[in-house]
């Protein structure tokens, strides 16, 4: 995972966001990343979102969110 000014790049996938040094995963204690694209945090080590999607079918963040953060391309197929 590489952090750049435009976002975080993980496994050739770019999600707009930033690493949170004070926010850690409850499972692995790794730093969480805030994802601007989906307005939520994820753990790149565990490859999981830290929050469930909302129940609003019109939510622009949740309705297109992939099942896991780091396989967005595979989930869109």
N, C-alpha and C. Protein backbone atom coordinates (compact mmCIF):
# COMPACT_ATOMS: atom_id res chain seq x y z
N UNK A 1 0.85 -1.17 0.00
CA UNK A 1 0.00 0.00 0.00
C UNK A 1 0.89 1.23 0.00
N UNK A 2 0.59 2.17 -0.87
CA UNK A 2 1.36 3.39 -0.99
C UNK A 2 0.40 4.56 -0.85
N UNK A 3 0.74 5.53 -0.02
CA UNK A 3 -0.09 6.70 0.12
C UNK A 3 0.47 7.81 -0.73
N UNK A 4 -0.37 8.40 -1.56
CA UNK A 4 0.00 9.53 -2.40
C UNK A 4 -0.93 10.68 -2.06
N UNK A 5 -0.60 11.87 -2.55
CA UNK A 5 -1.42 13.03 -2.24
C UNK A 5 -2.85 12.88 -2.79
N UNK A 6 -3.02 12.09 -3.85
CA UNK A 6 -4.34 11.93 -4.45
C UNK A 6 -5.12 10.76 -3.87
N UNK A 7 -4.49 9.94 -3.03
CA UNK A 7 -5.20 8.82 -2.44
C UNK A 7 -4.26 7.70 -2.04
N UNK A 8 -4.81 6.55 -1.80
CA UNK A 8 -4.06 5.38 -1.38
C UNK A 8 -4.14 4.36 -2.51
N UNK A 9 -3.00 3.79 -2.88
CA UNK A 9 -2.97 2.77 -3.92
C UNK A 9 -2.65 1.44 -3.27
N UNK A 10 -3.55 0.49 -3.44
CA UNK A 10 -3.38 -0.85 -2.87
C UNK A 10 -3.59 -1.87 -3.96
N UNK A 11 -2.60 -2.71 -4.20
CA UNK A 11 -2.72 -3.77 -5.19
C UNK A 11 -3.25 -3.25 -6.52
N UNK A 12 -2.66 -2.18 -7.04
CA UNK A 12 -3.00 -1.57 -8.33
C UNK A 12 -4.41 -1.02 -8.38
N UNK A 13 -5.01 -0.75 -7.26
CA UNK A 13 -6.33 -0.16 -7.21
C UNK A 13 -6.23 1.15 -6.46
N UNK A 14 -6.76 2.20 -7.00
CA UNK A 14 -6.70 3.49 -6.32
C UNK A 14 -8.06 3.85 -5.75
N UNK A 15 -8.10 4.06 -4.46
CA UNK A 15 -9.28 4.56 -3.78
C UNK A 15 -8.91 5.92 -3.22
N UNK A 16 -9.75 6.91 -3.42
CA UNK A 16 -9.47 8.23 -2.88
C UNK A 16 -9.68 8.20 -1.38
N UNK A 17 -8.64 8.60 -0.65
CA UNK A 17 -8.73 8.60 0.80
C UNK A 17 -7.38 8.81 1.42
N UNK A 18 -7.30 8.56 2.72
CA UNK A 18 -6.03 8.74 3.43
C UNK A 18 -5.92 7.76 4.59
N UNK A 19 -4.68 7.42 4.91
CA UNK A 19 -4.41 6.54 6.03
C UNK A 19 -4.65 7.29 7.33
N UNK A 20 -5.30 6.64 8.26
CA UNK A 20 -5.59 7.22 9.57
C UNK A 20 -4.62 6.63 10.60
N UNK A 21 -3.64 7.40 11.01
CA UNK A 21 -2.63 6.91 11.95
C UNK A 21 -3.19 6.62 13.33
N UNK A 22 -4.26 7.30 13.73
CA UNK A 22 -4.82 7.10 15.06
C UNK A 22 -6.04 6.18 15.07
N UNK A 23 -6.41 5.69 13.91
CA UNK A 23 -7.57 4.82 13.78
C UNK A 23 -7.09 3.44 13.37
N UNK A 24 -7.27 2.44 14.22
CA UNK A 24 -6.74 1.11 13.93
C UNK A 24 -7.84 0.07 13.83
N UNK A 25 -7.56 -0.99 13.10
CA UNK A 25 -8.48 -2.11 12.91
C UNK A 25 -8.66 -2.86 14.22
N UNK A 26 -9.89 -3.23 14.51
CA UNK A 26 -10.18 -3.98 15.73
C UNK A 26 -9.72 -5.43 15.64
N UNK A 27 -9.44 -5.91 14.43
CA UNK A 27 -9.00 -7.29 14.27
C UNK A 27 -7.48 -7.44 14.24
N UNK A 28 -6.80 -6.57 13.47
CA UNK A 28 -5.36 -6.75 13.28
C UNK A 28 -4.51 -5.59 13.83
N UNK A 29 -5.15 -4.54 14.31
CA UNK A 29 -4.47 -3.34 14.82
C UNK A 29 -3.70 -2.57 13.76
N UNK A 30 -3.94 -2.86 12.47
CA UNK A 30 -3.33 -2.09 11.39
C UNK A 30 -4.04 -0.76 11.22
N UNK A 31 -3.37 0.20 10.59
CA UNK A 31 -3.98 1.50 10.36
C UNK A 31 -5.13 1.38 9.36
N UNK A 32 -6.23 2.04 9.69
CA UNK A 32 -7.36 2.08 8.78
C UNK A 32 -7.15 3.16 7.74
N UNK A 33 -7.85 3.04 6.63
CA UNK A 33 -7.83 4.03 5.57
C UNK A 33 -9.24 4.56 5.41
N UNK A 34 -9.36 5.89 5.37
CA UNK A 34 -10.67 6.48 5.10
C UNK A 34 -10.83 6.56 3.60
N UNK A 35 -11.91 6.02 3.08
CA UNK A 35 -12.16 5.98 1.64
C UNK A 35 -13.19 7.06 1.28
N UNK A 36 -12.71 8.09 0.60
CA UNK A 36 -13.60 9.17 0.16
C UNK A 36 -14.67 8.67 -0.81
N UNK A 37 -14.30 7.72 -1.65
CA UNK A 37 -15.22 7.22 -2.67
C UNK A 37 -16.49 6.62 -2.08
N UNK A 38 -16.37 5.97 -0.92
CA UNK A 38 -17.51 5.29 -0.32
C UNK A 38 -17.84 5.81 1.08
N UNK A 39 -17.19 6.89 1.51
CA UNK A 39 -17.46 7.56 2.78
C UNK A 39 -17.43 6.60 3.97
N UNK A 40 -16.38 5.79 4.04
CA UNK A 40 -16.23 4.85 5.14
C UNK A 40 -14.77 4.44 5.28
N UNK A 41 -14.45 3.76 6.36
CA UNK A 41 -13.10 3.27 6.62
C UNK A 41 -12.98 1.82 6.18
N UNK A 42 -11.75 1.43 5.83
CA UNK A 42 -11.47 0.02 5.56
C UNK A 42 -10.08 -0.33 6.07
N UNK A 43 -9.88 -1.63 6.29
CA UNK A 43 -8.58 -2.14 6.69
C UNK A 43 -7.94 -2.80 5.49
N UNK A 44 -6.83 -2.27 4.97
CA UNK A 44 -6.19 -2.89 3.81
C UNK A 44 -5.56 -4.24 4.14
N UNK A 45 -5.14 -4.46 5.38
CA UNK A 45 -4.56 -5.74 5.76
C UNK A 45 -5.62 -6.84 5.81
N UNK A 46 -6.79 -6.55 6.34
CA UNK A 46 -7.88 -7.53 6.44
C UNK A 46 -8.78 -7.51 5.20
N UNK A 47 -8.64 -6.49 4.38
CA UNK A 47 -9.47 -6.31 3.19
C UNK A 47 -10.95 -6.34 3.55
N UNK A 48 -11.32 -5.49 4.52
CA UNK A 48 -12.71 -5.43 4.94
C UNK A 48 -13.09 -3.99 5.27
N UNK A 49 -14.36 -3.68 5.03
CA UNK A 49 -14.92 -2.40 5.43
C UNK A 49 -15.17 -2.46 6.93
N UNK A 50 -15.06 -1.35 7.63
CA UNK A 50 -15.29 -1.35 9.07
C UNK A 50 -16.74 -1.06 9.43
N UNK A 51 -17.53 -0.62 8.45
CA UNK A 51 -18.93 -0.30 8.69
C UNK A 51 -19.80 -0.98 7.63
N UNK A 52 -21.00 -1.40 8.00
CA UNK A 52 -21.90 -1.98 7.00
C UNK A 52 -22.46 -0.88 6.09
N UNK A 53 -23.02 -1.27 4.97
CA UNK A 53 -23.70 -0.30 4.11
C UNK A 53 -25.00 0.12 4.78
N UNK A 54 -25.50 1.27 4.38
CA UNK A 54 -26.78 1.73 4.93
C UNK A 54 -27.92 1.06 4.18
N UNK A 55 -29.11 1.29 4.61
CA UNK A 55 -30.28 0.64 4.01
C UNK A 55 -31.01 1.54 3.01
N UNK A 56 -30.43 2.70 2.70
CA UNK A 56 -31.04 3.62 1.75
C UNK A 56 -30.67 3.20 0.33
N UNK A 57 -31.64 2.76 -0.48
CA UNK A 57 -31.32 2.31 -1.84
C UNK A 57 -30.83 3.43 -2.75
N UNK A 58 -30.99 4.67 -2.35
CA UNK A 58 -30.56 5.81 -3.15
C UNK A 58 -29.22 6.39 -2.70
N UNK A 59 -28.63 5.81 -1.68
CA UNK A 59 -27.34 6.30 -1.16
C UNK A 59 -26.27 6.14 -2.24
N UNK A 60 -25.66 7.23 -2.64
CA UNK A 60 -24.65 7.18 -3.70
C UNK A 60 -23.37 6.50 -3.24
N UNK A 61 -23.12 6.43 -1.96
CA UNK A 61 -21.92 5.77 -1.45
C UNK A 61 -22.11 4.26 -1.35
N UNK A 62 -23.18 3.85 -0.72
CA UNK A 62 -23.37 2.44 -0.39
C UNK A 62 -23.86 1.57 -1.55
N UNK A 63 -24.66 2.12 -2.41
CA UNK A 63 -25.26 1.26 -3.45
C UNK A 63 -24.24 0.72 -4.45
N UNK A 64 -23.11 1.40 -4.61
CA UNK A 64 -22.07 0.94 -5.54
C UNK A 64 -20.83 0.38 -4.85
N UNK A 65 -20.87 0.29 -3.52
CA UNK A 65 -19.70 -0.17 -2.79
C UNK A 65 -19.48 -1.66 -3.02
N UNK A 66 -18.25 -2.04 -3.39
CA UNK A 66 -17.97 -3.47 -3.59
C UNK A 66 -17.99 -4.23 -2.26
N UNK A 67 -18.07 -5.53 -2.35
CA UNK A 67 -18.13 -6.37 -1.15
C UNK A 67 -16.88 -6.20 -0.29
N UNK A 68 -15.73 -6.12 -0.93
CA UNK A 68 -14.47 -5.88 -0.21
C UNK A 68 -13.74 -4.72 -0.88
N UNK A 69 -12.97 -3.97 -0.12
CA UNK A 69 -12.33 -2.77 -0.66
C UNK A 69 -11.31 -3.02 -1.76
N UNK A 70 -10.54 -4.09 -1.67
CA UNK A 70 -9.40 -4.25 -2.57
C UNK A 70 -9.66 -5.15 -3.77
N UNK A 71 -10.90 -5.48 -4.02
CA UNK A 71 -11.19 -6.26 -5.24
C UNK A 71 -12.31 -5.59 -6.01
N UNK A 72 -12.30 -4.29 -6.06
CA UNK A 72 -13.33 -3.52 -6.72
C UNK A 72 -13.52 -3.94 -8.18
N UNK A 73 -12.43 -4.12 -8.91
CA UNK A 73 -12.53 -4.48 -10.32
C UNK A 73 -13.23 -5.83 -10.49
N UNK A 74 -12.88 -6.81 -9.67
CA UNK A 74 -13.50 -8.14 -9.77
C UNK A 74 -14.97 -8.09 -9.41
N UNK A 75 -15.34 -7.22 -8.44
CA UNK A 75 -16.74 -7.13 -8.02
C UNK A 75 -17.62 -6.46 -9.07
N UNK A 76 -17.03 -5.62 -9.92
CA UNK A 76 -17.81 -4.91 -10.91
C UNK A 76 -18.13 -5.77 -12.12
N UNK A 77 -17.47 -6.89 -12.28
CA UNK A 77 -17.69 -7.75 -13.45
C UNK A 77 -18.93 -8.59 -13.31
